[in-house]
Amino acid sequence: MNKQSKTKIDERMLTAHFSLREMCASGTAIRLGIENVPDEAVIKRLQQLCEHVLEPLRQRFGVIRITSGYRCERLNRAVGGVKNSQHLRGEAADIHVSDIEVGRKMFRFIKENLEFDQLLFEHIRENGVCWLHVSYRNPSPFLPMKANRRQAIDNYVAPPKAEELKWEY
């Protein structure tokens, strides 16, 4: 992909408040020289995640900061993501949480009001850093196994390598 088309994609708005650039931003990718650019199928899934989860969350809580959205395979390995991470498919985002109380309110709002696949209130035991991981799959009448599971875990201890994830934005 040439520089001009990459810049054009980076500026694309997926929804009123979320850009492709924001959903692909990564300090680790910059530091390691990883080109974290999704294909059109991934971009469509990112847009669906924004439409069905992130925009309603923003409307309820105001500005939210995505710390990790799409990750190419190389970036996912670099940050210690699991091999089948929904970040690889553009189906997941990690959301910065300013404090536990706000995080719990966001978690409850998503769980009670929005369609989602997986919702984790994650934290690192050693330092107390916390964030929300949320994913969304576009339901398909042809693939019932790919429907949203609505799996919610409100006290998920992140693996040790996740320390690097907090620096993704």
Protein backbone atom coordinates (compact mmCIF):
# COMPACT_ATOMS: atom_id res chain seq x y z
CA MET A 1 0.00 0.00 0.00
CA ASN A 2 1.50 3.36 -0.95
CA LYS A 3 1.78 6.21 1.50
CA GLN A 4 -1.02 8.25 -0.08
CA SER A 5 -3.65 5.46 0.15
CA LYS A 6 -2.54 4.56 3.67
CA THR A 7 -3.05 8.16 4.80
CA LYS A 8 -6.49 8.20 3.19
CA ILE A 9 -7.53 5.04 5.06
CA ASP A 10 -6.13 6.37 8.33
CA GLU A 11 -8.40 9.42 8.13
CA ARG A 12 -11.58 7.46 7.37
CA MET A 13 -14.35 7.84 9.92
CA LEU A 14 -15.98 4.54 10.86
CA THR A 15 -18.79 6.28 12.76
CA ALA A 16 -19.47 9.84 13.88
CA HIS A 17 -16.89 9.68 16.68
CA PHE A 18 -14.47 6.85 15.84
CA SER A 19 -11.84 6.91 13.11
CA LEU A 20 -9.96 4.06 11.50
CA ARG A 21 -6.76 5.70 12.72
CA GLU A 22 -7.93 5.52 16.34
CA MET A 23 -8.96 1.89 15.98
CA CYS A 24 -5.53 0.92 14.58
CA ALA A 25 -3.27 3.18 16.67
CA SER A 26 -0.51 1.42 18.56
CA GLY A 27 2.55 2.72 20.35
CA THR A 28 4.07 -0.75 20.16
CA ALA A 29 3.58 -0.85 16.38
CA ILE A 30 5.28 2.53 16.03
CA ARG A 31 8.14 1.52 18.32
CA LEU A 32 8.71 -1.77 16.46
CA GLY A 33 8.04 -0.45 12.95
CA ILE A 34 4.98 -2.69 12.44
CA GLU A 35 2.54 -1.65 9.72
CA ASN A 36 -0.82 -2.21 11.41
CA VAL A 37 -3.18 -1.67 8.46
CA PRO A 38 -6.37 -3.74 8.15
CA ASP A 39 -7.99 -4.99 4.96
CA GLU A 40 -11.53 -3.97 3.95
CA ALA A 41 -13.20 -6.98 5.64
CA VAL A 42 -11.55 -6.06 8.95
CA ILE A 43 -12.51 -2.42 8.48
CA LYS A 44 -16.18 -3.45 8.08
CA ARG A 45 -15.99 -5.42 11.35
CA LEU A 46 -14.36 -2.47 13.12
CA GLN A 47 -17.19 -0.28 11.88
CA GLN A 48 -19.78 -2.72 13.23
CA LEU A 49 -18.02 -2.78 16.62
CA CYS A 50 -18.10 1.03 16.67
CA GLU A 51 -21.75 1.22 15.60
CA HIS A 52 -23.12 -1.43 17.97
CA VAL A 53 -20.96 -0.94 21.07
CA LEU A 54 -18.59 2.02 21.09
CA GLU A 55 -20.95 4.75 19.81
CA PRO A 56 -23.73 3.85 22.29
CA LEU A 57 -21.11 3.75 25.06
CA ARG A 58 -19.83 7.18 24.04
CA GLN A 59 -23.36 8.59 23.93
CA ARG A 60 -23.90 7.41 27.49
CA PHE A 61 -20.48 8.24 29.04
CA GLY A 62 -18.94 10.91 26.81
CA VAL A 63 -15.52 10.64 25.23
CA ILE A 64 -13.90 7.23 25.59
CA ARG A 65 -10.32 6.31 24.70
CA ILE A 66 -9.50 3.14 22.81
CA THR A 67 -6.17 1.73 23.97
CA SER A 68 -6.10 -1.23 21.58
CA GLY A 69 -8.33 -1.96 18.61
CA TYR A 70 -7.24 -3.82 15.48
CA ARG A 71 -3.96 -5.73 15.70
CA CYS A 72 -2.20 -7.43 12.81
CA GLU A 73 -0.63 -10.81 13.66
CA ARG A 74 2.84 -9.38 14.25
CA LEU A 75 1.52 -6.68 16.59
CA ASN A 76 -0.69 -9.17 18.43
CA ARG A 77 2.38 -11.36 19.10
CA ALA A 78 4.42 -8.32 20.19
CA VAL A 79 1.87 -7.34 22.86
CA GLY A 80 1.29 -10.91 24.05
CA GLY A 81 -2.24 -11.26 22.64
CA VAL A 82 -3.79 -14.71 22.40
CA LYS A 83 -3.51 -16.49 19.03
CA ASN A 84 -7.25 -16.33 18.36
CA SER A 85 -7.72 -12.75 19.60
CA GLN A 86 -10.73 -10.96 18.20
CA HIS A 87 -8.45 -7.91 17.86
CA LEU A 88 -6.95 -9.74 14.84
CA ARG A 89 -10.33 -9.73 13.09
CA GLY A 90 -11.33 -6.17 14.01
CA GLU A 91 -13.99 -7.42 16.40
CA ALA A 92 -12.53 -6.15 19.70
CA ALA A 93 -11.41 -3.01 21.46
CA ASP A 94 -9.84 -2.27 24.82
CA ILE A 95 -11.19 0.85 26.51
CA HIS A 96 -9.29 3.02 28.98
CA VAL A 97 -11.03 3.20 32.35
CA SER A 98 -10.25 6.24 34.50
CA ASP A 99 -11.17 4.45 37.72
CA ILE A 100 -12.84 1.28 38.94
CA GLU A 101 -16.19 2.95 39.63
CA VAL A 102 -16.49 4.33 36.09
CA GLY A 103 -15.31 1.00 34.70
CA ARG A 104 -18.01 -0.87 36.63
CA LYS A 105 -20.69 1.54 35.35
CA MET A 106 -19.51 1.08 31.76
CA PHE A 107 -19.37 -2.70 32.21
CA ARG A 108 -22.92 -2.77 33.59
CA PHE A 109 -24.23 -0.50 30.82
CA ILE A 110 -22.76 -2.70 28.08
CA LYS A 111 -23.93 -5.90 29.76
CA GLU A 112 -27.49 -4.67 30.31
CA ASN A 113 -28.09 -2.61 27.15
CA LEU A 114 -25.88 -3.61 24.24
CA GLU A 115 -25.25 -6.60 22.03
CA PHE A 116 -21.70 -7.93 22.51
CA ASP A 117 -19.71 -11.12 22.14
CA GLN A 118 -17.27 -10.85 25.02
CA LEU A 119 -17.01 -8.28 27.81
CA LEU A 120 -14.13 -8.38 30.27
CA PHE A 121 -13.34 -5.98 33.09
CA GLU A 122 -9.61 -6.66 33.05
CA HIS A 123 -6.96 -5.68 35.53
CA ILE A 124 -3.35 -6.36 36.35
CA ARG A 125 -3.06 -7.65 39.87
CA GLU A 126 0.39 -6.20 40.56
CA ASN A 127 -0.39 -2.55 39.81
CA GLY A 128 -4.19 -2.26 39.69
CA VAL A 129 -4.33 -0.96 36.10
CA CYS A 130 -7.74 -1.79 34.64
CA TRP A 131 -9.57 -1.55 31.32
CA LEU A 132 -12.59 -2.96 29.51
CA HIS A 133 -12.23 -5.43 26.67
CA VAL A 134 -15.34 -5.67 24.51
CA SER A 135 -15.98 -7.54 21.29
CA TYR A 136 -18.81 -7.73 18.80
CA ARG A 137 -19.56 -10.20 16.03
CA ASN A 138 -21.99 -9.34 13.28
CA PRO A 139 -24.72 -11.98 13.66
CA SER A 140 -25.20 -14.18 10.63
CA PRO A 141 -28.28 -16.26 9.87
CA PHE A 142 -26.00 -18.63 7.94
CA LEU A 143 -23.47 -19.16 10.73
CA PRO A 144 -25.31 -19.56 14.06
CA MET A 145 -22.06 -20.60 15.75
CA LYS A 146 -20.75 -17.10 15.05
CA ALA A 147 -23.52 -15.37 17.00
CA ASN A 148 -22.61 -13.07 19.89
CA ARG A 149 -22.09 -15.13 23.05
CA ARG A 150 -22.73 -12.34 25.58
CA GLN A 151 -19.92 -13.70 27.74
CA ALA A 152 -19.24 -11.23 30.57
CA ILE A 153 -16.54 -11.54 33.24
CA ASP A 154 -16.33 -8.65 35.68
CA ASN A 155 -13.06 -9.52 37.41
CA TYR A 156 -10.66 -10.89 34.80
CA VAL A 157 -7.00 -10.95 35.80
CA ALA A 158 -4.94 -10.20 32.70
CA PRO A 159 -1.91 -12.37 31.94
CA PRO A 160 1.50 -10.89 32.87
CA LYS A 161 2.36 -9.88 29.28
CA ALA A 162 -0.72 -7.62 29.28
CA GLU A 163 1.36 -5.01 31.11
CA GLU A 164 2.41 -3.85 27.63
CA LEU A 165 -1.21 -3.39 26.50
CA LYS A 166 -1.79 -0.41 28.76
CA TRP A 167 0.74 1.52 26.67
CA GLU A 168 -0.92 0.83 23.33
CA TYR A 169 -2.49 4.29 22.94
